[in-house]
Amino acid sequence: MSGKLHGGANEAAYDLISSFKSPEDAEEGILKMLKNKTLIMGFGHRVYRKGDPRTKIIQSWAKQLSKSKEFGKPELYEIAEKIEEVMWREKKIFPNLDFYASLVYHQCNIPTHFFTPIFVFARTAGW
């Protein structure tokens, strides 16, 4: 469980989402990243080739939490939606669980450096 590709994608996805100031900024930034062939974390999956079935569930929680008066960050959710839209339009790549899970964790006030340990805790019984 080390690095962006092995458990830390949720942290990298949040860093990506939070690096943009607006949906317009996100579109411009993602297009530039794609042009430079930069890896966009939180997209695609080595097993789920036609879409990650977990994404819609966690995305609905991210959206619901973004509307919370106490913890909500609607601007981050809008940025995430724009990134998803651009990635689908340009590359036909869907978001995976980590992409929207990062927003759920953040909006629950979980520090970013705990995202990966939570990922591990949730899977321990299955492992």
Protein backbone atom coordinates (compact mmCIF):
# COMPACT_ATOMS: atom_id res chain seq x y z
CA MET A 1 0.00 0.00 0.00
CA SER A 2 2.35 2.68 -1.22
CA GLY A 3 2.24 5.24 -3.95
CA LYS A 4 -0.50 6.73 -6.06
CA LEU A 5 -1.22 3.54 -7.98
CA HIS A 6 -1.29 1.23 -4.98
CA GLY A 7 -3.73 2.56 -2.42
CA GLY A 8 -2.93 6.26 -2.56
CA ALA A 9 -5.02 7.17 -5.59
CA ASN A 10 -7.70 8.68 -3.37
CA GLU A 11 -5.20 11.18 -1.94
CA ALA A 12 -3.91 12.02 -5.41
CA ALA A 13 -7.47 12.41 -6.72
CA TYR A 14 -8.28 14.87 -3.96
CA ASP A 15 -5.07 16.79 -4.63
CA LEU A 16 -6.10 17.03 -8.28
CA ILE A 17 -9.67 18.18 -7.57
CA SER A 18 -8.60 20.72 -4.96
CA SER A 19 -5.88 22.16 -7.19
CA PHE A 20 -8.49 23.90 -9.34
CA LYS A 21 -10.37 27.08 -8.43
CA SER A 22 -13.43 26.55 -10.63
CA PRO A 23 -14.96 24.10 -13.13
CA GLU A 24 -13.62 26.27 -15.97
CA ASP A 25 -10.13 26.20 -14.46
CA ALA A 26 -10.46 22.41 -14.11
CA GLU A 27 -11.40 21.96 -17.77
CA GLU A 28 -8.45 24.04 -18.91
CA GLY A 29 -6.08 22.26 -16.51
CA ILE A 30 -7.21 18.75 -17.42
CA LEU A 31 -6.93 19.49 -21.14
CA LYS A 32 -3.38 20.74 -20.55
CA MET A 33 -2.55 17.64 -18.50
CA LEU A 34 -3.91 15.38 -21.23
CA LYS A 35 -1.92 17.24 -23.86
CA ASN A 36 1.22 16.73 -21.75
CA LYS A 37 0.31 13.06 -21.21
CA THR A 38 0.15 13.54 -17.43
CA LEU A 39 -1.47 10.70 -15.50
CA ILE A 40 -4.90 11.74 -14.18
CA MET A 41 -5.52 9.92 -10.90
CA GLY A 42 -8.96 8.54 -10.06
CA PHE A 43 -9.84 7.38 -13.57
CA GLY A 44 -10.01 3.94 -15.14
CA HIS A 45 -9.60 0.60 -13.42
CA ARG A 46 -7.62 -2.50 -14.28
CA VAL A 47 -10.58 -4.82 -13.59
CA TYR A 48 -13.66 -2.70 -14.37
CA ARG A 49 -13.31 -2.03 -18.08
CA LYS A 50 -16.79 -0.64 -18.74
CA GLY A 51 -17.21 1.44 -15.61
CA ASP A 52 -16.66 1.03 -11.90
CA PRO A 53 -20.04 -0.04 -10.44
CA ARG A 54 -19.11 1.45 -7.06
CA THR A 55 -18.68 4.95 -8.46
CA LYS A 56 -22.36 5.91 -8.77
CA ILE A 57 -22.96 5.05 -5.11
CA ILE A 58 -20.01 7.02 -3.75
CA GLN A 59 -20.69 9.86 -6.20
CA SER A 60 -24.22 10.22 -4.84
CA TRP A 61 -22.79 10.51 -1.31
CA ALA A 62 -20.25 13.09 -2.47
CA LYS A 63 -23.05 15.12 -4.03
CA GLN A 64 -25.27 14.80 -0.96
CA LEU A 65 -22.44 15.82 1.37
CA SER A 66 -21.55 18.77 -0.86
CA LYS A 67 -24.95 20.22 0.02
CA SER A 68 -24.39 19.89 3.77
CA LYS A 69 -24.48 23.23 5.55
CA GLU A 70 -21.88 22.07 8.07
CA PHE A 71 -19.26 20.34 5.92
CA GLY A 72 -20.35 20.77 2.30
CA LYS A 73 -18.01 21.92 -0.43
CA PRO A 74 -20.28 22.35 -3.47
CA GLU A 75 -17.52 24.05 -5.45
CA LEU A 76 -15.31 20.95 -5.15
CA TYR A 77 -18.13 18.70 -6.31
CA GLU A 78 -18.72 20.95 -9.34
CA ILE A 79 -15.02 20.80 -10.17
CA ALA A 80 -15.06 16.99 -9.87
CA GLU A 81 -18.07 16.77 -12.20
CA LYS A 82 -16.27 18.94 -14.76
CA ILE A 83 -13.15 16.76 -14.57
CA GLU A 84 -15.32 13.66 -15.08
CA GLU A 85 -17.04 15.31 -18.06
CA VAL A 86 -13.75 16.29 -19.71
CA MET A 87 -12.16 12.88 -19.16
CA TRP A 88 -15.16 11.14 -20.72
CA ARG A 89 -15.38 13.57 -23.63
CA GLU A 90 -11.65 13.48 -24.41
CA LYS A 91 -10.59 9.94 -23.47
CA LYS A 92 -13.75 7.90 -22.80
CA ILE A 93 -12.34 7.07 -19.36
CA PHE A 94 -14.69 6.81 -16.39
CA PRO A 95 -13.95 7.77 -12.78
CA ASN A 96 -13.22 4.99 -10.35
CA LEU A 97 -14.15 4.67 -6.69
CA ASP A 98 -11.16 6.71 -5.51
CA PHE A 99 -12.16 9.85 -7.40
CA TYR A 100 -15.42 10.58 -5.58
CA ALA A 101 -14.37 8.77 -2.37
CA SER A 102 -11.77 11.48 -1.94
CA LEU A 103 -14.55 14.09 -1.80
CA VAL A 104 -16.59 12.03 0.65
CA TYR A 105 -13.60 11.64 2.97
CA HIS A 106 -12.76 15.34 2.73
CA GLN A 107 -16.32 16.47 3.39
CA CYS A 108 -16.40 14.22 6.47
CA ASN A 109 -13.42 16.24 7.73
CA ILE A 110 -11.01 13.32 7.42
CA PRO A 111 -7.44 14.58 6.93
CA THR A 112 -6.03 13.68 3.52
CA HIS A 113 -3.16 11.64 4.98
CA PHE A 114 -5.78 9.28 6.50
CA PHE A 115 -7.48 8.50 3.15
CA THR A 116 -5.25 5.51 2.39
CA PRO A 117 -5.45 3.98 5.89
CA ILE A 118 -9.27 4.17 5.65
CA PHE A 119 -9.03 2.47 2.25
CA VAL A 120 -7.03 -0.33 3.92
CA PHE A 121 -9.30 -0.65 6.98
CA ALA A 122 -12.35 -1.06 4.77
CA ARG A 123 -10.75 -3.97 2.92
CA THR A 124 -8.98 -5.79 5.75
CA ALA A 125 -11.76 -8.32 6.37
CA GLY A 126 -11.91 -9.22 2.69
CA TRP A 127 -8.16 -9.60 2.42
